[in-house]
N, C-alpha and C. Protein backbone atom coordinates (compact mmCIF):
# COMPACT_ATOMS: atom_id res chain seq x y z
N MET A 1 128.29 114.70 124.13
CA MET A 1 127.49 114.45 125.30
C MET A 1 126.34 115.45 125.39
N ASP A 2 126.67 116.75 125.27
CA ASP A 2 125.63 117.78 125.34
C ASP A 2 124.60 117.56 124.24
N ALA A 3 125.07 117.21 123.04
CA ALA A 3 124.15 117.01 121.91
C ALA A 3 123.18 115.87 122.21
N ASP A 4 123.67 114.78 122.77
CA ASP A 4 122.80 113.64 123.08
C ASP A 4 121.74 114.01 124.10
N VAL A 5 122.14 114.73 125.13
CA VAL A 5 121.20 115.15 126.19
C VAL A 5 120.19 116.15 125.62
N LEU A 6 120.67 117.13 124.87
CA LEU A 6 119.77 118.13 124.30
C LEU A 6 118.80 117.50 123.30
N GLN A 7 119.26 116.50 122.58
CA GLN A 7 118.39 115.83 121.63
C GLN A 7 117.21 115.16 122.35
N VAL A 8 117.49 114.53 123.47
CA VAL A 8 116.43 113.89 124.26
C VAL A 8 115.45 114.94 124.75
N LEU A 9 115.95 116.04 125.30
CA LEU A 9 115.07 117.07 125.86
C LEU A 9 114.27 117.80 124.76
N ALA A 10 114.86 117.96 123.58
CA ALA A 10 114.18 118.66 122.50
C ALA A 10 113.03 117.85 121.93
N ARG A 11 113.07 116.55 122.10
CA ARG A 11 112.03 115.69 121.52
C ARG A 11 110.83 115.48 122.43
N THR A 12 110.81 116.15 123.56
CA THR A 12 109.66 116.03 124.46
C THR A 12 109.32 117.38 125.05
N HIS A 13 108.06 117.55 125.40
CA HIS A 13 107.64 118.77 126.09
C HIS A 13 107.41 118.51 127.57
N ARG A 14 107.62 117.25 127.99
CA ARG A 14 107.46 116.90 129.41
C ARG A 14 108.82 116.94 130.09
N PRO A 15 108.88 117.42 131.31
CA PRO A 15 110.14 117.35 132.06
C PRO A 15 110.50 115.89 132.32
N LEU A 16 111.79 115.59 132.31
CA LEU A 16 112.28 114.24 132.51
C LEU A 16 113.27 114.20 133.68
N SER A 17 113.28 113.07 134.37
CA SER A 17 114.27 112.90 135.43
C SER A 17 115.65 112.69 134.81
N GLY A 18 116.67 112.90 135.62
CA GLY A 18 118.04 112.66 135.15
C GLY A 18 118.23 111.23 134.71
N ALA A 19 117.62 110.28 135.42
CA ALA A 19 117.73 108.87 135.05
C ALA A 19 117.09 108.61 133.69
N ALA A 20 115.94 109.24 133.44
CA ALA A 20 115.27 109.06 132.14
C ALA A 20 116.10 109.66 131.02
N VAL A 21 116.69 110.83 131.25
CA VAL A 21 117.55 111.45 130.24
C VAL A 21 118.75 110.56 129.96
N ALA A 22 119.34 110.02 131.01
CA ALA A 22 120.50 109.13 130.83
C ALA A 22 120.12 107.92 130.00
N LYS A 23 119.00 107.29 130.34
CA LYS A 23 118.57 106.09 129.62
C LYS A 23 118.29 106.40 128.15
N LEU A 24 117.55 107.47 127.88
CA LEU A 24 117.17 107.81 126.51
C LEU A 24 118.35 108.29 125.67
N SER A 25 119.35 108.86 126.33
CA SER A 25 120.53 109.35 125.59
C SER A 25 121.60 108.29 125.43
N GLY A 26 121.44 107.17 126.15
CA GLY A 26 122.44 106.11 126.06
C GLY A 26 123.72 106.44 126.82
N ARG A 27 123.62 107.34 127.76
CA ARG A 27 124.79 107.77 128.55
C ARG A 27 124.63 107.27 129.99
N SER A 28 125.75 107.26 130.71
CA SER A 28 125.68 106.88 132.12
C SER A 28 124.95 107.97 132.89
N TYR A 29 124.37 107.58 134.01
CA TYR A 29 123.64 108.55 134.82
C TYR A 29 124.57 109.66 135.30
N ALA A 30 125.77 109.30 135.73
CA ALA A 30 126.71 110.30 136.24
C ALA A 30 127.07 111.33 135.16
N ARG A 31 127.33 110.86 133.95
CA ARG A 31 127.70 111.79 132.87
C ARG A 31 126.52 112.64 132.45
N ALA A 32 125.33 112.02 132.35
CA ALA A 32 124.14 112.78 131.96
C ALA A 32 123.83 113.84 133.02
N ARG A 33 123.94 113.47 134.28
CA ARG A 33 123.65 114.41 135.37
C ARG A 33 124.63 115.59 135.35
N ALA A 34 125.91 115.31 135.14
CA ALA A 34 126.91 116.39 135.07
C ALA A 34 126.60 117.32 133.89
N CYS A 35 126.22 116.74 132.79
CA CYS A 35 125.87 117.53 131.61
C CYS A 35 124.63 118.39 131.89
N LEU A 36 123.62 117.78 132.48
CA LEU A 36 122.40 118.51 132.81
C LEU A 36 122.70 119.69 133.74
N HIS A 37 123.54 119.49 134.74
CA HIS A 37 123.89 120.57 135.66
C HIS A 37 124.56 121.72 134.91
N ARG A 38 125.45 121.38 134.00
CA ARG A 38 126.15 122.40 133.20
C ARG A 38 125.15 123.18 132.33
N LEU A 39 124.20 122.46 131.70
CA LEU A 39 123.22 123.11 130.84
C LEU A 39 122.24 123.97 131.64
N VAL A 40 121.95 123.57 132.88
CA VAL A 40 121.12 124.39 133.76
C VAL A 40 121.86 125.68 134.11
N GLU A 41 123.16 125.59 134.39
CA GLU A 41 123.97 126.78 134.69
C GLU A 41 123.91 127.79 133.57
N HIS A 42 123.90 127.30 132.33
CA HIS A 42 123.86 128.18 131.16
C HIS A 42 122.45 128.63 130.81
N GLY A 43 121.45 128.07 131.48
CA GLY A 43 120.07 128.48 131.25
C GLY A 43 119.37 127.79 130.10
N LEU A 44 120.06 126.91 129.41
CA LEU A 44 119.46 126.22 128.27
C LEU A 44 118.50 125.12 128.71
N VAL A 45 118.69 124.64 129.93
CA VAL A 45 117.83 123.61 130.51
C VAL A 45 117.33 124.13 131.85
N THR A 46 116.06 123.82 132.14
CA THR A 46 115.49 124.18 133.44
C THR A 46 115.44 122.94 134.32
N ALA A 47 115.48 123.16 135.62
CA ALA A 47 115.40 122.06 136.60
C ALA A 47 114.36 122.43 137.65
N GLN A 48 113.53 121.44 138.01
CA GLN A 48 112.56 121.67 139.07
C GLN A 48 112.53 120.45 139.97
N ASP A 49 112.46 120.72 141.27
CA ASP A 49 112.38 119.64 142.24
C ASP A 49 111.01 118.98 142.15
N ALA A 50 111.03 117.65 142.24
CA ALA A 50 109.79 116.86 142.24
C ALA A 50 109.97 115.75 143.26
N GLY A 51 109.82 116.11 144.53
CA GLY A 51 110.08 115.14 145.59
C GLY A 51 111.57 114.83 145.62
N PRO A 52 111.92 113.54 145.64
CA PRO A 52 113.34 113.19 145.69
C PRO A 52 114.05 113.36 144.34
N ALA A 53 113.29 113.55 143.27
CA ALA A 53 113.88 113.66 141.93
C ALA A 53 113.96 115.12 141.49
N VAL A 54 114.76 115.35 140.48
CA VAL A 54 114.82 116.65 139.81
C VAL A 54 114.40 116.39 138.38
N LEU A 55 113.49 117.22 137.87
CA LEU A 55 113.01 117.06 136.50
C LEU A 55 113.61 118.15 135.63
N TYR A 56 114.05 117.76 134.43
CA TYR A 56 114.74 118.66 133.52
C TYR A 56 113.93 118.84 132.24
N ALA A 57 114.01 120.04 131.68
CA ALA A 57 113.34 120.34 130.41
C ALA A 57 114.17 121.35 129.63
N LEU A 58 114.04 121.31 128.32
CA LEU A 58 114.69 122.31 127.48
C LEU A 58 113.99 123.65 127.71
N ASN A 59 114.77 124.69 127.94
CA ASN A 59 114.22 126.04 128.09
C ASN A 59 113.98 126.58 126.68
N ARG A 60 112.77 126.43 126.19
CA ARG A 60 112.43 126.80 124.82
C ARG A 60 112.39 128.31 124.59
N ARG A 61 112.53 129.11 125.64
CA ARG A 61 112.62 130.56 125.48
C ARG A 61 114.06 131.04 125.40
N HIS A 62 115.02 130.15 125.62
CA HIS A 62 116.44 130.52 125.58
C HIS A 62 116.82 130.93 124.16
N VAL A 63 117.75 131.84 124.06
CA VAL A 63 118.18 132.35 122.76
C VAL A 63 118.73 131.23 121.86
N LEU A 64 119.27 130.17 122.43
CA LEU A 64 119.81 129.07 121.63
C LEU A 64 118.82 127.92 121.40
N ALA A 65 117.63 128.01 121.97
CA ALA A 65 116.66 126.92 121.85
C ALA A 65 116.29 126.63 120.39
N ASP A 66 116.10 127.69 119.59
CA ASP A 66 115.76 127.47 118.19
C ASP A 66 116.88 126.73 117.45
N ALA A 67 118.13 127.06 117.80
CA ALA A 67 119.26 126.37 117.17
C ALA A 67 119.29 124.89 117.56
N VAL A 68 118.99 124.61 118.82
CA VAL A 68 118.94 123.22 119.28
C VAL A 68 117.83 122.46 118.56
N LEU A 69 116.66 123.06 118.47
CA LEU A 69 115.53 122.42 117.80
C LEU A 69 115.82 122.22 116.31
N ALA A 70 116.49 123.18 115.68
CA ALA A 70 116.84 123.03 114.26
C ALA A 70 117.84 121.90 114.07
N ALA A 71 118.80 121.79 114.98
CA ALA A 71 119.79 120.71 114.87
C ALA A 71 119.13 119.35 115.05
N VAL A 72 118.22 119.24 116.00
CA VAL A 72 117.53 117.98 116.23
C VAL A 72 116.66 117.62 115.02
N GLY A 73 116.09 118.62 114.38
CA GLY A 73 115.24 118.38 113.22
C GLY A 73 115.96 118.28 111.90
N SER A 74 117.28 118.41 111.91
CA SER A 74 118.02 118.43 110.65
C SER A 74 117.91 117.14 109.83
N PRO A 75 117.90 115.94 110.42
CA PRO A 75 117.71 114.75 109.58
C PRO A 75 116.40 114.79 108.80
N ALA A 76 115.33 115.25 109.41
CA ALA A 76 114.05 115.34 108.71
C ALA A 76 114.13 116.38 107.59
N ALA A 77 114.86 117.47 107.83
CA ALA A 77 115.02 118.49 106.79
C ALA A 77 115.80 117.94 105.60
N VAL A 78 116.81 117.12 105.88
CA VAL A 78 117.60 116.51 104.80
C VAL A 78 116.71 115.58 103.99
N GLU A 79 115.91 114.77 104.66
CA GLU A 79 115.02 113.85 103.95
C GLU A 79 113.98 114.61 103.14
N ALA A 80 113.44 115.70 103.68
CA ALA A 80 112.46 116.50 102.94
C ALA A 80 113.10 117.10 101.69
N PHE A 81 114.32 117.59 101.82
CA PHE A 81 115.04 118.14 100.67
C PHE A 81 115.23 117.06 99.60
N LEU A 82 115.62 115.87 100.04
CA LEU A 82 115.85 114.78 99.09
C LEU A 82 114.56 114.39 98.39
N VAL A 83 113.47 114.30 99.12
CA VAL A 83 112.18 113.95 98.50
C VAL A 83 111.79 115.00 97.46
N GLU A 84 112.03 116.28 97.76
CA GLU A 84 111.75 117.35 96.78
C GLU A 84 112.59 117.16 95.52
N GLN A 85 113.86 116.84 95.69
CA GLN A 85 114.74 116.62 94.55
C GLN A 85 114.26 115.44 93.71
N LEU A 86 113.90 114.34 94.38
CA LEU A 86 113.48 113.14 93.68
C LEU A 86 112.21 113.37 92.86
N ALA A 87 111.36 114.27 93.31
CA ALA A 87 110.11 114.55 92.60
C ALA A 87 110.36 115.19 91.24
N THR A 88 111.54 115.76 91.05
CA THR A 88 111.87 116.42 89.78
C THR A 88 112.63 115.51 88.81
N TRP A 89 112.98 114.32 89.24
CA TRP A 89 113.80 113.45 88.40
C TRP A 89 113.04 112.99 87.17
N GLU A 90 113.74 113.02 86.05
CA GLU A 90 113.22 112.49 84.79
C GLU A 90 114.39 111.87 84.04
N PRO A 91 114.47 110.58 83.92
CA PRO A 91 113.47 109.60 84.31
C PRO A 91 113.41 109.44 85.83
N PRO A 92 112.22 109.11 86.33
CA PRO A 92 112.04 108.99 87.77
C PRO A 92 112.64 107.69 88.32
N ALA A 93 112.94 107.72 89.59
CA ALA A 93 113.37 106.49 90.28
C ALA A 93 112.12 105.67 90.59
N ARG A 94 112.25 104.35 90.53
CA ARG A 94 111.13 103.48 90.94
C ARG A 94 111.03 103.45 92.46
N ALA A 95 112.17 103.53 93.12
CA ALA A 95 112.20 103.54 94.58
C ALA A 95 113.53 104.12 95.05
N VAL A 96 113.48 104.77 96.22
CA VAL A 96 114.69 105.26 96.88
C VAL A 96 114.56 104.90 98.35
N VAL A 97 115.60 104.23 98.87
CA VAL A 97 115.57 103.76 100.25
C VAL A 97 116.82 104.28 100.97
N LEU A 98 116.60 104.94 102.08
CA LEU A 98 117.68 105.39 102.96
C LEU A 98 118.01 104.23 103.89
N PHE A 99 119.30 103.92 104.05
CA PHE A 99 119.67 102.85 104.97
C PHE A 99 121.00 103.19 105.62
N GLY A 100 121.43 102.36 106.56
CA GLY A 100 122.70 102.60 107.25
C GLY A 100 122.53 103.54 108.43
N SER A 101 123.63 104.18 108.82
CA SER A 101 123.64 104.99 110.04
C SER A 101 122.67 106.17 109.99
N TRP A 102 122.46 106.76 108.81
CA TRP A 102 121.49 107.87 108.72
C TRP A 102 120.09 107.37 109.03
N ALA A 103 119.73 106.21 108.49
CA ALA A 103 118.38 105.67 108.73
C ALA A 103 118.20 105.28 110.19
N ARG A 104 119.28 104.86 110.84
CA ARG A 104 119.20 104.47 112.26
C ARG A 104 119.27 105.67 113.19
N GLY A 105 119.56 106.86 112.67
CA GLY A 105 119.71 108.05 113.51
C GLY A 105 121.03 108.07 114.26
N GLU A 106 122.05 107.39 113.71
CA GLU A 106 123.34 107.30 114.37
C GLU A 106 124.46 107.96 113.57
N ALA A 107 124.11 108.75 112.57
CA ALA A 107 125.12 109.33 111.69
C ALA A 107 125.97 110.35 112.43
N GLY A 108 127.25 110.34 112.11
CA GLY A 108 128.19 111.32 112.64
C GLY A 108 128.85 112.05 111.50
N PRO A 109 129.85 112.87 111.78
CA PRO A 109 130.50 113.64 110.73
C PRO A 109 131.19 112.79 109.67
N ASP A 110 131.60 111.58 110.02
CA ASP A 110 132.30 110.72 109.07
C ASP A 110 131.39 109.69 108.41
N SER A 111 130.09 109.75 108.71
CA SER A 111 129.16 108.76 108.17
C SER A 111 128.76 109.10 106.74
N ASP A 112 128.66 108.07 105.91
CA ASP A 112 128.10 108.25 104.58
C ASP A 112 126.59 108.28 104.68
N LEU A 113 125.97 109.00 103.77
CA LEU A 113 124.52 108.98 103.63
C LEU A 113 124.25 107.92 102.56
N ASP A 114 123.75 106.75 102.95
CA ASP A 114 123.58 105.61 102.05
C ASP A 114 122.18 105.57 101.48
N LEU A 115 122.09 105.51 100.15
CA LEU A 115 120.80 105.49 99.47
C LEU A 115 120.79 104.40 98.41
N LEU A 116 119.75 103.57 98.44
CA LEU A 116 119.50 102.61 97.38
C LEU A 116 118.62 103.30 96.35
N LEU A 117 119.05 103.32 95.10
CA LEU A 117 118.27 103.88 94.00
C LEU A 117 117.86 102.73 93.09
N VAL A 118 116.56 102.56 92.88
CA VAL A 118 116.06 101.53 91.98
C VAL A 118 115.51 102.24 90.74
N ARG A 119 116.06 101.89 89.59
CA ARG A 119 115.60 102.48 88.33
C ARG A 119 114.96 101.39 87.48
N GLY A 120 114.22 101.82 86.49
CA GLY A 120 113.60 100.87 85.58
C GLY A 120 114.66 100.10 84.81
N ASP A 121 114.33 98.90 84.37
CA ASP A 121 115.30 98.06 83.66
C ASP A 121 115.78 98.68 82.36
N THR A 122 114.98 99.54 81.75
CA THR A 122 115.37 100.14 80.46
C THR A 122 116.04 101.49 80.62
N VAL A 123 116.18 101.97 81.86
CA VAL A 123 116.81 103.27 82.09
C VAL A 123 118.32 103.11 82.11
N ASP A 124 119.00 103.84 81.23
CA ASP A 124 120.46 103.81 81.14
C ASP A 124 121.05 104.53 82.35
N ALA A 125 122.03 103.92 82.99
CA ALA A 125 122.66 104.52 84.18
C ALA A 125 123.42 105.80 83.85
N ASP A 126 123.76 105.97 82.60
CA ASP A 126 124.45 107.19 82.17
C ASP A 126 123.41 108.20 81.67
N GLY A 127 123.87 109.25 81.04
CA GLY A 127 122.95 110.23 80.45
C GLY A 127 122.18 110.98 81.50
N ALA A 128 120.87 111.19 81.23
CA ALA A 128 120.02 112.00 82.11
C ALA A 128 119.95 111.42 83.51
N TRP A 129 119.85 110.10 83.62
CA TRP A 129 119.80 109.45 84.94
C TRP A 129 121.07 109.77 85.73
N GLY A 130 122.20 109.51 85.11
CA GLY A 130 123.48 109.75 85.78
C GLY A 130 123.68 111.20 86.17
N ASP A 131 123.23 112.12 85.32
CA ASP A 131 123.37 113.54 85.61
C ASP A 131 122.57 113.93 86.85
N GLN A 132 121.33 113.43 86.95
CA GLN A 132 120.50 113.80 88.10
C GLN A 132 121.00 113.14 89.38
N VAL A 133 121.53 111.93 89.28
CA VAL A 133 122.11 111.28 90.46
C VAL A 133 123.31 112.09 90.95
N HIS A 134 124.17 112.48 90.02
CA HIS A 134 125.36 113.25 90.37
C HIS A 134 124.98 114.59 91.01
N ALA A 135 124.03 115.31 90.39
CA ALA A 135 123.62 116.62 90.91
C ALA A 135 123.00 116.50 92.30
N THR A 136 122.18 115.47 92.50
CA THR A 136 121.56 115.28 93.81
C THR A 136 122.61 114.92 94.85
N GLY A 137 123.58 114.10 94.49
CA GLY A 137 124.66 113.75 95.41
C GLY A 137 125.45 114.97 95.84
N GLN A 138 125.77 115.84 94.88
CA GLN A 138 126.51 117.06 95.21
C GLN A 138 125.69 117.97 96.13
N ALA A 139 124.40 118.10 95.83
CA ALA A 139 123.54 118.95 96.67
C ALA A 139 123.43 118.40 98.09
N LEU A 140 123.32 117.09 98.23
CA LEU A 140 123.23 116.48 99.56
C LEU A 140 124.53 116.64 100.33
N GLU A 141 125.66 116.49 99.64
CA GLU A 141 126.96 116.67 100.32
C GLU A 141 127.13 118.11 100.78
N ALA A 142 126.69 119.07 99.97
CA ALA A 142 126.78 120.48 100.38
C ALA A 142 125.86 120.76 101.56
N LEU A 143 124.69 120.13 101.56
CA LEU A 143 123.70 120.34 102.62
C LEU A 143 124.12 119.74 103.95
N THR A 144 124.75 118.56 103.91
CA THR A 144 125.05 117.83 105.14
C THR A 144 126.52 117.84 105.55
N GLY A 145 127.41 117.99 104.59
CA GLY A 145 128.84 117.85 104.87
C GLY A 145 129.28 116.39 104.89
N ASN A 146 128.36 115.49 104.62
CA ASN A 146 128.65 114.05 104.61
C ASN A 146 128.73 113.55 103.17
N ALA A 147 129.57 112.54 102.96
CA ALA A 147 129.65 111.90 101.65
C ALA A 147 128.35 111.14 101.40
N VAL A 148 127.94 111.07 100.13
CA VAL A 148 126.73 110.35 99.75
C VAL A 148 127.16 109.11 98.99
N GLN A 149 126.62 107.98 99.40
CA GLN A 149 126.92 106.70 98.76
C GLN A 149 125.64 106.17 98.12
N PHE A 150 125.60 106.16 96.78
CA PHE A 150 124.45 105.62 96.07
C PHE A 150 124.72 104.17 95.70
N VAL A 151 123.76 103.30 95.97
CA VAL A 151 123.79 101.93 95.47
C VAL A 151 122.69 101.90 94.43
N GLN A 152 123.08 101.77 93.16
CA GLN A 152 122.13 101.82 92.07
C GLN A 152 121.87 100.43 91.52
N VAL A 153 120.58 100.10 91.39
CA VAL A 153 120.20 98.81 90.81
C VAL A 153 118.97 99.00 89.93
N THR A 154 118.82 98.10 88.98
CA THR A 154 117.57 98.04 88.22
C THR A 154 116.59 97.18 89.01
N GLY A 155 115.34 97.19 88.59
CA GLY A 155 114.36 96.32 89.23
C GLY A 155 114.77 94.86 89.16
N SER A 156 115.32 94.43 88.02
CA SER A 156 115.76 93.04 87.86
C SER A 156 116.94 92.72 88.77
N GLN A 157 117.86 93.66 88.90
CA GLN A 157 119.01 93.44 89.77
C GLN A 157 118.56 93.34 91.23
N LEU A 158 117.58 94.15 91.61
CA LEU A 158 117.05 94.06 92.97
C LEU A 158 116.41 92.70 93.19
N ALA A 159 115.66 92.22 92.20
CA ALA A 159 115.03 90.90 92.32
C ALA A 159 116.07 89.81 92.53
N THR A 160 117.17 89.89 91.80
CA THR A 160 118.26 88.91 91.95
C THR A 160 118.86 89.00 93.35
N ALA A 161 119.09 90.23 93.82
CA ALA A 161 119.66 90.42 95.16
C ALA A 161 118.75 89.84 96.23
N VAL A 162 117.44 90.00 96.07
CA VAL A 162 116.49 89.46 97.04
C VAL A 162 116.51 87.94 97.00
N ARG A 163 116.46 87.36 95.80
CA ARG A 163 116.46 85.89 95.67
C ARG A 163 117.73 85.27 96.26
N GLU A 164 118.86 85.95 96.06
CA GLU A 164 120.14 85.43 96.55
C GLU A 164 120.41 85.86 97.99
N ASP A 165 119.50 86.61 98.57
CA ASP A 165 119.64 87.11 99.94
C ASP A 165 121.02 87.74 100.15
N GLN A 166 121.37 88.65 99.25
CA GLN A 166 122.66 89.34 99.32
C GLN A 166 122.73 90.23 100.56
N PRO A 167 123.94 90.54 101.04
CA PRO A 167 124.09 91.36 102.26
C PRO A 167 123.33 92.69 102.21
N LEU A 168 123.25 93.30 101.04
CA LEU A 168 122.51 94.55 100.91
C LEU A 168 121.07 94.39 101.39
N ILE A 169 120.45 93.27 101.06
CA ILE A 169 119.05 93.03 101.42
C ILE A 169 118.89 92.93 102.93
N ALA A 170 119.84 92.27 103.59
CA ALA A 170 119.79 92.18 105.06
C ALA A 170 119.89 93.58 105.67
N GLY A 171 120.76 94.43 105.12
CA GLY A 171 120.89 95.81 105.61
C GLY A 171 119.62 96.60 105.40
N LEU A 172 118.98 96.41 104.27
CA LEU A 172 117.72 97.11 104.00
C LEU A 172 116.63 96.66 104.96
N ARG A 173 116.56 95.36 105.18
CA ARG A 173 115.53 94.84 106.10
C ARG A 173 115.76 95.34 107.52
N GLN A 174 117.02 95.51 107.88
CA GLN A 174 117.34 95.92 109.25
C GLN A 174 116.97 97.38 109.50
N ASP A 175 117.34 98.27 108.59
CA ASP A 175 117.13 99.69 108.90
C ASP A 175 116.69 100.54 107.72
N GLY A 176 116.31 99.92 106.60
CA GLY A 176 115.91 100.70 105.44
C GLY A 176 114.63 101.48 105.67
N ARG A 177 114.62 102.71 105.16
CA ARG A 177 113.43 103.56 105.24
C ARG A 177 113.15 104.11 103.84
N VAL A 178 112.00 103.79 103.30
CA VAL A 178 111.64 104.21 101.94
C VAL A 178 111.33 105.70 101.91
N LEU A 179 111.99 106.41 101.00
CA LEU A 179 111.72 107.83 100.78
C LEU A 179 110.84 108.03 99.56
N LEU A 180 110.88 107.08 98.64
CA LEU A 180 110.10 107.15 97.41
C LEU A 180 109.80 105.73 96.96
N GLY A 181 108.55 105.48 96.60
CA GLY A 181 108.19 104.17 96.09
C GLY A 181 107.34 103.38 97.07
N PRO A 182 107.17 102.11 96.77
CA PRO A 182 106.32 101.26 97.63
C PRO A 182 106.99 101.01 98.98
N SER A 183 106.23 100.46 99.90
CA SER A 183 106.79 100.12 101.21
C SER A 183 107.97 99.17 101.02
N LEU A 184 108.84 99.11 102.01
CA LEU A 184 110.00 98.23 101.91
C LEU A 184 109.57 96.78 101.75
N ARG A 185 108.57 96.37 102.50
CA ARG A 185 108.09 94.98 102.39
C ARG A 185 107.60 94.71 100.95
N ALA A 186 106.81 95.63 100.40
CA ALA A 186 106.30 95.46 99.04
C ALA A 186 107.45 95.48 98.03
N LEU A 187 108.39 96.36 98.23
CA LEU A 187 109.53 96.46 97.31
C LEU A 187 110.33 95.17 97.29
N LEU A 188 110.62 94.63 98.47
CA LEU A 188 111.43 93.41 98.53
C LEU A 188 110.61 92.18 98.13
N THR A 189 109.31 92.18 98.37
CA THR A 189 108.47 91.08 97.92
C THR A 189 108.34 91.10 96.41
N ALA A 190 108.12 92.29 95.84
CA ALA A 190 108.04 92.41 94.39
C ALA A 190 109.37 92.06 93.76
N GLY A 191 110.45 92.45 94.44
CA GLY A 191 111.78 92.13 93.91
C GLY A 191 112.00 90.62 93.88
N ALA A 192 111.52 89.93 94.88
CA ALA A 192 111.69 88.48 94.92
C ALA A 192 110.85 87.79 93.85
N ALA A 193 109.70 88.38 93.54
CA ALA A 193 108.80 87.77 92.57
C ALA A 193 109.19 88.08 91.13
N ALA A 194 109.96 89.15 90.92
CA ALA A 194 110.31 89.57 89.56
C ALA A 194 111.25 88.58 88.89
């Protein structure tokens, strides 16, 4: 509960009403309000009267504010780390797409980090490719504490999946976010045409 409320407050520099915090955090007003009161008591959140409403903001001078901001920014840090790793791959991936709960921003401690890896049709899944996939998976698991699930396909296999409208493609269309390669629309259009 505290994490959801703090995440909302960390993503804005404007004070928000309790109702706005509740709505943006997906929590009931009563629970969000109780949480906000507790965080105000600890000094991590400030409250100011604004007519009949009370407006809340993250106290960015609090000793724990940097930790809150780092936690809120951690998904972006994980993606940046992954993009750095992918830039060193040889042979390179044609495309890498994050999908599932991580892409939706709903990942929890038991969530897998799901990645679609598209390699060239002539790239052997074993050898150098397999070694770099394995090393990157281990590094991501150490960084996040979450299991990493790679879905590996060649360009031809992706084209088949698109033509057959396999469940993977529906998941990619719903929440896929490209980390490397062409846009998702271009990737799936090219896959259908291949």
